[in-house]
Amino acid sequence: MKLVKLIEFLRARLKTVIRVCCGLLALLVLADIILVDKEHAHTAVEHLWGFWSVFGFLGCVVIIIVSKWFGHAGIMQREDYYDE
């Protein structure tokens, strides 16, 4: 029940959640610029500031979107599915 309340709390404050996530992404990019040594990068894109932070964030977004699509495509069933 606590998880349901947490989800409802976050959904009610969606704009704040989005702003916090964007702020965290900006902090990760800033930390990448300041703390990570780019001299020994293996590929050209690794020299870009915040590449791995943005790559990880976009990877999570893609996983969420694909999971929701997959769930709505057939995995999710009605609650009375077994009653028939």
PDB file of N, CA and C in Angstrom:
ATOM      1  N   MET A   1       0.812  -1.197   0.000  1.00  0.00           N
ATOM      2  CA  MET A   1       0.000   0.000   0.000  1.00  0.00           C
ATOM      3  C   MET A   1       0.853   1.258   0.000  1.00  0.00           C
ATOM      4  N   LYS A   2       2.022   1.196   0.633  1.00  0.00           N
ATOM      5  CA  LYS A   2       2.874   2.367   0.667  1.00  0.00           C
ATOM      6  C   LYS A   2       3.364   2.736  -0.732  1.00  0.00           C
ATOM      7  N   LEU A   3       3.607   1.727  -1.566  1.00  0.00           N
ATOM      8  CA  LEU A   3       4.067   1.975  -2.928  1.00  0.00           C
ATOM      9  C   LEU A   3       2.987   2.675  -3.752  1.00  0.00           C
ATOM     10  N   VAL A   4       1.747   2.275  -3.561  1.00  0.00           N
ATOM     11  CA  VAL A   4       0.633   2.903  -4.269  1.00  0.00           C
ATOM     12  C   VAL A   4       0.515   4.369  -3.863  1.00  0.00           C
ATOM     13  N   LYS A   5       0.654   4.636  -2.575  1.00  0.00           N
ATOM     14  CA  LYS A   5       0.587   6.019  -2.100  1.00  0.00           C
ATOM     15  C   LYS A   5       1.739   6.845  -2.660  1.00  0.00           C
ATOM     16  N   LEU A   6       2.930   6.255  -2.755  1.00  0.00           N
ATOM     17  CA  LEU A   6       4.079   6.950  -3.319  1.00  0.00           C
ATOM     18  C   LEU A   6       3.841   7.289  -4.790  1.00  0.00           C
ATOM     19  N   ILE A   7       3.318   6.338  -5.547  1.00  0.00           N
ATOM     20  CA  ILE A   7       3.040   6.569  -6.967  1.00  0.00           C
ATOM     21  C   ILE A   7       1.992   7.657  -7.133  1.00  0.00           C
ATOM     22  N   GLU A   8       0.952   7.625  -6.336  1.00  0.00           N
ATOM     23  CA  GLU A   8      -0.076   8.671  -6.402  1.00  0.00           C
ATOM     24  C   GLU A   8       0.497  10.033  -6.039  1.00  0.00           C
ATOM     25  N   PHE A   9       1.376  10.061  -5.030  1.00  0.00           N
ATOM     26  CA  PHE A   9       2.020  11.304  -4.617  1.00  0.00           C
ATOM     27  C   PHE A   9       2.865  11.879  -5.750  1.00  0.00           C
ATOM     28  N   LEU A  10       3.645  11.020  -6.414  1.00  0.00           N
ATOM     29  CA  LEU A  10       4.498  11.484  -7.503  1.00  0.00           C
ATOM     30  C   LEU A  10       3.690  11.894  -8.736  1.00  0.00           C
ATOM     31  N   ARG A  11       2.616  11.177  -9.026  1.00  0.00           N
ATOM     32  CA  ARG A  11       1.772  11.550 -10.171  1.00  0.00           C
ATOM     33  C   ARG A  11       1.086  12.887  -9.956  1.00  0.00           C
ATOM     34  N   ALA A  12       0.743  13.196  -8.716  1.00  0.00           N
ATOM     35  CA  ALA A  12       0.098  14.469  -8.416  1.00  0.00           C
ATOM     36  C   ALA A  12       1.078  15.625  -8.590  1.00  0.00           C
ATOM     37  N   ARG A  13       2.368  15.341  -8.517  1.00  0.00           N
ATOM     38  CA  ARG A  13       3.400  16.373  -8.638  1.00  0.00           C
ATOM     39  C   ARG A  13       4.319  16.066  -9.810  1.00  0.00           C
ATOM     40  N   LEU A  14       3.751  15.742 -10.969  1.00  0.00           N
ATOM     41  CA  LEU A  14       4.516  15.291 -12.126  1.00  0.00           C
ATOM     42  C   LEU A  14       5.490  16.353 -12.627  1.00  0.00           C
ATOM     43  N   LYS A  15       5.066  17.607 -12.678  1.00  0.00           N
ATOM     44  CA  LYS A  15       5.965  18.659 -13.157  1.00  0.00           C
ATOM     45  C   LYS A  15       7.189  18.801 -12.259  1.00  0.00           C
ATOM     46  N   THR A  16       6.985  18.669 -10.958  1.00  0.00           N
ATOM     47  CA  THR A  16       8.109  18.741 -10.021  1.00  0.00           C
ATOM     48  C   THR A  16       9.046  17.564 -10.208  1.00  0.00           C
ATOM     49  N   VAL A  17       8.496  16.385 -10.423  1.00  0.00           N
ATOM     50  CA  VAL A  17       9.316  15.193 -10.643  1.00  0.00           C
ATOM     51  C   VAL A  17      10.152  15.363 -11.908  1.00  0.00           C
ATOM     52  N   ILE A  18       9.551  15.891 -12.972  1.00  0.00           N
ATOM     53  CA  ILE A  18      10.278  16.098 -14.224  1.00  0.00           C
ATOM     54  C   ILE A  18      11.399  17.118 -14.018  1.00  0.00           C
ATOM     55  N   ARG A  19      11.123  18.193 -13.301  1.00  0.00           N
ATOM     56  CA  ARG A  19      12.156  19.204 -13.037  1.00  0.00           C
ATOM     57  C   ARG A  19      13.302  18.628 -12.213  1.00  0.00           C
ATOM     58  N   VAL A  20      12.979  17.818 -11.217  1.00  0.00           N
ATOM     59  CA  VAL A  20      14.023  17.203 -10.389  1.00  0.00           C
ATOM     60  C   VAL A  20      14.879  16.260 -11.230  1.00  0.00           C
ATOM     61  N   CYS A  21      14.259  15.473 -12.100  1.00  0.00           N
ATOM     62  CA  CYS A  21      15.010  14.558 -12.962  1.00  0.00           C
ATOM     63  C   CYS A  21      15.915  15.322 -13.925  1.00  0.00           C
ATOM     64  N   CYS A  22      15.423  16.395 -14.497  1.00  0.00           N
ATOM     65  CA  CYS A  22      16.251  17.213 -15.392  1.00  0.00           C
ATOM     66  C   CYS A  22      17.392  17.865 -14.621  1.00  0.00           C
ATOM     67  N   GLY A  23      17.138  18.289 -13.396  1.00  0.00           N
ATOM     68  CA  GLY A  23      18.194  18.850 -12.558  1.00  0.00           C
ATOM     69  C   GLY A  23      19.268  17.823 -12.227  1.00  0.00           C
ATOM     70  N   LEU A  24      18.844  16.600 -11.918  1.00  0.00           N
ATOM     71  CA  LEU A  24      19.808  15.536 -11.646  1.00  0.00           C
ATOM     72  C   LEU A  24      20.639  15.213 -12.877  1.00  0.00           C
ATOM     73  N   LEU A  25      20.000  15.206 -14.050  1.00  0.00           N
ATOM     74  CA  LEU A  25      20.734  14.971 -15.290  1.00  0.00           C
ATOM     75  C   LEU A  25      21.759  16.081 -15.509  1.00  0.00           C
ATOM     76  N   ALA A  26      21.373  17.325 -15.250  1.00  0.00           N
ATOM     77  CA  ALA A  26      22.307  18.444 -15.397  1.00  0.00           C
ATOM     78  C   ALA A  26      23.480  18.309 -14.422  1.00  0.00           C
ATOM     79  N   LEU A  27      23.203  17.872 -13.196  1.00  0.00           N
ATOM     80  CA  LEU A  27      24.285  17.659 -12.227  1.00  0.00           C
ATOM     81  C   LEU A  27      25.226  16.539 -12.667  1.00  0.00           C
ATOM     82  N   LEU A  28      24.674  15.490 -13.247  1.00  0.00           N
ATOM     83  CA  LEU A  28      25.512  14.403 -13.748  1.00  0.00           C
ATOM     84  C   LEU A  28      26.400  14.862 -14.892  1.00  0.00           C
ATOM     85  N   VAL A  29      25.841  15.673 -15.790  1.00  0.00           N
ATOM     86  CA  VAL A  29      26.635  16.202 -16.902  1.00  0.00           C
ATOM     87  C   VAL A  29      27.732  17.105 -16.360  1.00  0.00           C
ATOM     88  N   LEU A  30      27.393  17.941 -15.389  1.00  0.00           N
ATOM     89  CA  LEU A  30      28.387  18.821 -14.779  1.00  0.00           C
ATOM     90  C   LEU A  30      29.489  18.016 -14.092  1.00  0.00           C
ATOM     91  N   ALA A  31      29.126  16.978 -13.376  1.00  0.00           N
ATOM     92  CA  ALA A  31      30.115  16.113 -12.731  1.00  0.00           C
ATOM     93  C   ALA A  31      30.986  15.426 -13.775  1.00  0.00           C
ATOM     94  N   ASP A  32      30.390  15.048 -14.896  1.00  0.00           N
ATOM     95  CA  ASP A  32      31.143  14.429 -15.983  1.00  0.00           C
ATOM     96  C   ASP A  32      32.159  15.412 -16.560  1.00  0.00           C
ATOM     97  N   ILE A  33      31.753  16.662 -16.705  1.00  0.00           N
ATOM     98  CA  ILE A  33      32.658  17.678 -17.244  1.00  0.00           C
ATOM     99  C   ILE A  33      33.833  17.911 -16.298  1.00  0.00           C
ATOM    100  N   ILE A  34      33.545  17.955 -15.007  1.00  0.00           N
ATOM    101  CA  ILE A  34      34.565  18.322 -14.026  1.00  0.00           C
ATOM    102  C   ILE A  34      35.434  17.132 -13.609  1.00  0.00           C
ATOM    103  N   LEU A  35      34.825  15.975 -13.382  1.00  0.00           N
ATOM    104  CA  LEU A  35      35.530  14.876 -12.718  1.00  0.00           C
ATOM    105  C   LEU A  35      36.101  13.797 -13.634  1.00  0.00           C
ATOM    106  N   VAL A  36      35.554  13.637 -14.822  1.00  0.00           N
ATOM    107  CA  VAL A  36      35.934  12.503 -15.659  1.00  0.00           C
ATOM    108  C   VAL A  36      37.056  12.893 -16.622  1.00  0.00           C
ATOM    109  N   ASP A  37      38.100  12.061 -16.656  1.00  0.00           N
ATOM    110  CA  ASP A  37      39.224  12.282 -17.564  1.00  0.00           C
ATOM    111  C   ASP A  37      38.862  11.712 -18.937  1.00  0.00           C
ATOM    112  N   LYS A  38      38.866  12.548 -19.953  1.00  0.00           N
ATOM    113  CA  LYS A  38      38.463  12.136 -21.302  1.00  0.00           C
ATOM    114  C   LYS A  38      39.667  11.779 -22.186  1.00  0.00           C
ATOM    115  N   GLU A  39      40.843  11.830 -21.636  1.00  0.00           N
ATOM    116  CA  GLU A  39      42.048  11.616 -22.441  1.00  0.00           C
ATOM    117  C   GLU A  39      42.125  10.200 -23.008  1.00  0.00           C
ATOM    118  N   HIS A  40      41.637   9.223 -22.271  1.00  0.00           N
ATOM    119  CA  HIS A  40      41.771   7.826 -22.695  1.00  0.00           C
ATOM    120  C   HIS A  40      40.446   7.245 -23.195  1.00  0.00           C
ATOM    121  N   ALA A  41      39.593   8.075 -23.765  1.00  0.00           N
ATOM    122  CA  ALA A  41      38.311   7.589 -24.278  1.00  0.00           C
ATOM    123  C   ALA A  41      38.553   6.681 -25.483  1.00  0.00           C
ATOM    124  N   HIS A  42      37.688   5.681 -25.633  1.00  0.00           N
ATOM    125  CA  HIS A  42      37.860   4.705 -26.705  1.00  0.00           C
ATOM    126  C   HIS A  42      37.251   5.159 -28.027  1.00  0.00           C
ATOM    127  N   THR A  43      36.173   5.912 -27.978  1.00  0.00           N
ATOM    128  CA  THR A  43      35.503   6.356 -29.200  1.00  0.00           C
ATOM    129  C   THR A  43      35.384   7.878 -29.205  1.00  0.00           C
ATOM    130  N   ALA A  44      35.051   8.429 -30.361  1.00  0.00           N
ATOM    131  CA  ALA A  44      34.952   9.880 -30.493  1.00  0.00           C
ATOM    132  C   ALA A  44      33.800  10.453 -29.673  1.00  0.00           C
ATOM    133  N   VAL A  45      32.670   9.726 -29.585  1.00  0.00           N
ATOM    134  CA  VAL A  45      31.525  10.270 -28.849  1.00  0.00           C
ATOM    135  C   VAL A  45      31.780  10.337 -27.354  1.00  0.00           C
ATOM    136  N   GLU A  46      32.712   9.557 -26.845  1.00  0.00           N
ATOM    137  CA  GLU A  46      33.035   9.596 -25.418  1.00  0.00           C
ATOM    138  C   GLU A  46      33.737  10.889 -25.023  1.00  0.00           C
ATOM    139  N   HIS A  47      34.236  11.628 -25.991  1.00  0.00           N
ATOM    140  CA  HIS A  47      34.852  12.919 -25.710  1.00  0.00           C
ATOM    141  C   HIS A  47      33.805  14.007 -25.492  1.00  0.00           C
ATOM    142  N   LEU A  48      32.542  13.755 -25.858  1.00  0.00           N
ATOM    143  CA  LEU A  48      31.473  14.739 -25.661  1.00  0.00           C
ATOM    144  C   LEU A  48      31.141  14.852 -24.183  1.00  0.00           C
ATOM    145  N   TRP A  49      30.865  16.070 -23.757  1.00  0.00           N
ATOM    146  CA  TRP A  49      30.515  16.307 -22.353  1.00  0.00           C
ATOM    147  C   TRP A  49      29.193  15.635 -22.015  1.00  0.00           C
ATOM    148  N   GLY A  50      29.177  14.855 -20.987  1.00  0.00           N
ATOM    149  CA  GLY A  50      27.953  14.246 -20.497  1.00  0.00           C
ATOM    150  C   GLY A  50      27.388  13.149 -21.367  1.00  0.00           C
ATOM    151  N   PHE A  51      28.178  12.595 -22.254  1.00  0.00           N
ATOM    152  CA  PHE A  51      27.660  11.572 -23.178  1.00  0.00           C
ATOM    153  C   PHE A  51      27.054  10.401 -22.418  1.00  0.00           C
ATOM    154  N   TRP A  52      27.784   9.841 -21.456  1.00  0.00           N
ATOM    155  CA  TRP A  52      27.285   8.656 -20.765  1.00  0.00           C
ATOM    156  C   TRP A  52      26.096   8.970 -19.872  1.00  0.00           C
ATOM    157  N   SER A  53      26.027  10.168 -19.337  1.00  0.00           N
ATOM    158  CA  SER A  53      24.872  10.563 -18.525  1.00  0.00           C
ATOM    159  C   SER A  53      23.623  10.640 -19.393  1.00  0.00           C
ATOM    160  N   VAL A  54      23.736  11.297 -20.521  1.00  0.00           N
ATOM    161  CA  VAL A  54      22.597  11.427 -21.430  1.00  0.00           C
ATOM    162  C   VAL A  54      22.244  10.073 -22.034  1.00  0.00           C
ATOM    163  N   PHE A  55      23.252   9.282 -22.388  1.00  0.00           N
ATOM    164  CA  PHE A  55      23.023   7.957 -22.947  1.00  0.00           C
ATOM    165  C   PHE A  55      22.258   7.071 -21.960  1.00  0.00           C
ATOM    166  N   GLY A  56      22.664   7.085 -20.696  1.00  0.00           N
ATOM    167  CA  GLY A  56      21.978   6.292 -19.675  1.00  0.00           C
ATOM    168  C   GLY A  56      20.558   6.766 -19.440  1.00  0.00           C
ATOM    169  N   PHE A  57      20.369   8.086 -19.398  1.00  0.00           N
ATOM    170  CA  PHE A  57      19.040   8.641 -19.201  1.00  0.00           C
ATOM    171  C   PHE A  57      18.116   8.260 -20.363  1.00  0.00           C
ATOM    172  N   LEU A  58      18.594   8.437 -21.578  1.00  0.00           N
ATOM    173  CA  LEU A  58      17.771   8.088 -22.745  1.00  0.00           C
ATOM    174  C   LEU A  58      17.512   6.581 -22.818  1.00  0.00           C
ATOM    175  N   GLY A  59      18.494   5.783 -22.392  1.00  0.00           N
ATOM    176  CA  GLY A  59      18.292   4.335 -22.342  1.00  0.00           C
ATOM    177  C   GLY A  59      17.174   3.957 -21.380  1.00  0.00           C
ATOM    178  N   CYS A  60      17.121   4.605 -20.233  1.00  0.00           N
ATOM    179  CA  CYS A  60      16.040   4.357 -19.264  1.00  0.00           C
ATOM    180  C   CYS A  60      14.693   4.768 -19.836  1.00  0.00           C
ATOM    181  N   VAL A  61      14.650   5.904 -20.510  1.00  0.00           N
ATOM    182  CA  VAL A  61      13.399   6.372 -21.116  1.00  0.00           C
ATOM    183  C   VAL A  61      12.917   5.372 -22.166  1.00  0.00           C
ATOM    184  N   VAL A  62      13.826   4.875 -23.000  1.00  0.00           N
ATOM    185  CA  VAL A  62      13.449   3.901 -24.026  1.00  0.00           C
ATOM    186  C   VAL A  62      12.947   2.615 -23.386  1.00  0.00           C
ATOM    187  N   ILE A  63      13.599   2.140 -22.331  1.00  0.00           N
ATOM    188  CA  ILE A  63      13.156   0.917 -21.647  1.00  0.00           C
ATOM    189  C   ILE A  63      11.748   1.095 -21.085  1.00  0.00           C
ATOM    190  N   ILE A  64      11.464   2.249 -20.502  1.00  0.00           N
ATOM    191  CA  ILE A  64      10.133   2.504 -19.945  1.00  0.00           C
ATOM    192  C   ILE A  64       9.088   2.526 -21.045  1.00  0.00           C
ATOM    193  N   ILE A  65       9.365   3.216 -22.139  1.00  0.00           N
ATOM    194  CA  ILE A  65       8.391   3.312 -23.239  1.00  0.00           C
ATOM    195  C   ILE A  65       8.134   1.947 -23.862  1.00  0.00           C
ATOM    196  N   VAL A  66       9.184   1.179 -24.111  1.00  0.00           N
ATOM    197  CA  VAL A  66       9.019  -0.160 -24.703  1.00  0.00           C
ATOM    198  C   VAL A  66       8.274  -1.080 -23.741  1.00  0.00           C
ATOM    199  N   SER A  67       8.564  -0.985 -22.447  1.00  0.00           N
ATOM    200  CA  SER A  67       7.871  -1.829 -21.464  1.00  0.00           C
ATOM    201  C   SER A  67       6.383  -1.512 -21.409  1.00  0.00           C
ATOM    202  N   LYS A  68       6.052  -0.220 -21.434  1.00  0.00           N
ATOM    203  CA  LYS A  68       4.636   0.161 -21.423  1.00  0.00           C
ATOM    204  C   LYS A  68       3.940  -0.322 -22.691  1.00  0.00           C
ATOM    205  N   TRP A  69       4.599  -0.179 -23.842  1.00  0.00           N
ATOM    206  CA  TRP A  69       4.004  -0.644 -25.104  1.00  0.00           C
ATOM    207  C   TRP A  69       3.807  -2.157 -25.057  1.00  0.00           C
ATOM    208  N   PHE A  70       4.818  -2.872 -24.589  1.00  0.00           N
ATOM    209  CA  PHE A  70       4.746  -4.324 -24.521  1.00  0.00           C
ATOM    210  C   PHE A  70       3.636  -4.772 -23.579  1.00  0.00           C
ATOM    211  N   GLY A  71       3.489  -4.068 -22.472  1.00  0.00           N
ATOM    212  CA  GLY A  71       2.427  -4.398 -21.521  1.00  0.00           C
ATOM    213  C   GLY A  71       1.053  -4.181 -22.102  1.00  0.00           C
ATOM    214  N   HIS A  72       0.866  -3.076 -22.785  1.00  0.00           N
ATOM    215  CA  HIS A  72      -0.447  -2.796 -23.380  1.00  0.00           C
ATOM    216  C   HIS A  72      -0.710  -3.659 -24.616  1.00  0.00           C
ATOM    217  N   ALA A  73       0.332  -4.202 -25.227  1.00  0.00           N
ATOM    218  CA  ALA A  73       0.164  -5.017 -26.431  1.00  0.00           C
ATOM    219  C   ALA A  73      -0.389  -6.404 -26.135  1.00  0.00           C
ATOM    220  N   GLY A  74      -0.407  -6.820 -24.882  1.00  0.00           N
ATOM    221  CA  GLY A  74      -0.967  -8.138 -24.641  1.00  0.00           C
ATOM    222  C   GLY A  74      -0.675  -8.745 -23.294  1.00  0.00           C
ATOM    223  N   ILE A  75       0.289  -8.246 -22.578  1.00  0.00           N
ATOM    224  CA  ILE A  75       0.611  -8.840 -21.286  1.00  0.00           C
ATOM    225  C   ILE A  75      -0.447  -8.493 -20.252  1.00  0.00           C
ATOM    226  N   MET A  76      -0.887  -7.232 -20.230  1.00  0.00           N
ATOM    227  CA  MET A  76      -1.889  -6.814 -19.242  1.00  0.00           C
ATOM    228  C   MET A  76      -3.258  -7.384 -19.625  1.00  0.00           C
ATOM    229  N   GLN A  77      -3.925  -7.957 -18.666  1.00  0.00           N
ATOM    230  CA  GLN A  77      -5.246  -8.540 -18.875  1.00  0.00           C
ATOM    231  C   GLN A  77      -6.240  -7.910 -17.900  1.00  0.00           C
ATOM    232  N   ARG A  78      -7.509  -8.120 -18.178  1.00  0.00           N
ATOM    233  CA  ARG A  78      -8.544  -7.642 -17.262  1.00  0.00           C
ATOM    234  C   ARG A  78      -8.422  -8.393 -15.931  1.00  0.00           C
ATOM    235  N   GLU A  79      -8.971  -7.810 -14.890  1.00  0.00           N
ATOM    236  CA  GLU A  79      -8.903  -8.455 -13.573  1.00  0.00           C
ATOM    237  C   GLU A  79      -9.717  -9.751 -13.519  1.00  0.00           C
ATOM    238  N   ASP A  80     -10.775  -9.837 -14.312  1.00  0.00           N
ATOM    239  CA  ASP A  80     -11.611 -11.034 -14.292  1.00  0.00           C
ATOM    240  C   ASP A  80     -11.214 -12.020 -15.389  1.00  0.00           C
ATOM    241  N   TYR A  81      -9.967 -11.974 -15.824  1.00  0.00           N
ATOM    242  CA  TYR A  81      -9.476 -12.819 -16.914  1.00  0.00           C
ATOM    243  C   TYR A  81      -9.659 -14.299 -16.608  1.00  0.00           C
ATOM    244  N   TYR A  82      -9.386 -14.729 -15.379  1.00  0.00           N
ATOM    245  CA  TYR A  82      -9.467 -16.150 -15.033  1.00  0.00           C
ATOM    246  C   TYR A  82     -10.881 -16.593 -14.674  1.00  0.00           C
ATOM    247  N   ASP A  83     -11.802 -15.663 -14.537  1.00  0.00           N
ATOM    248  CA  ASP A  83     -13.159 -16.019 -14.174  1.00  0.00           C
ATOM    249  C   ASP A  83     -13.942 -16.594 -15.346  1.00  0.00           C
ATOM    250  N   GLU A  84     -13.499 -16.379 -16.544  1.00  0.00           N
ATOM    251  CA  GLU A  84     -14.241 -16.848 -17.726  1.00  0.00           C
ATOM    252  C   GLU A  84     -14.113 -18.320 -17.966  1.00  0.00           C
TER     253      GLU A  84
END
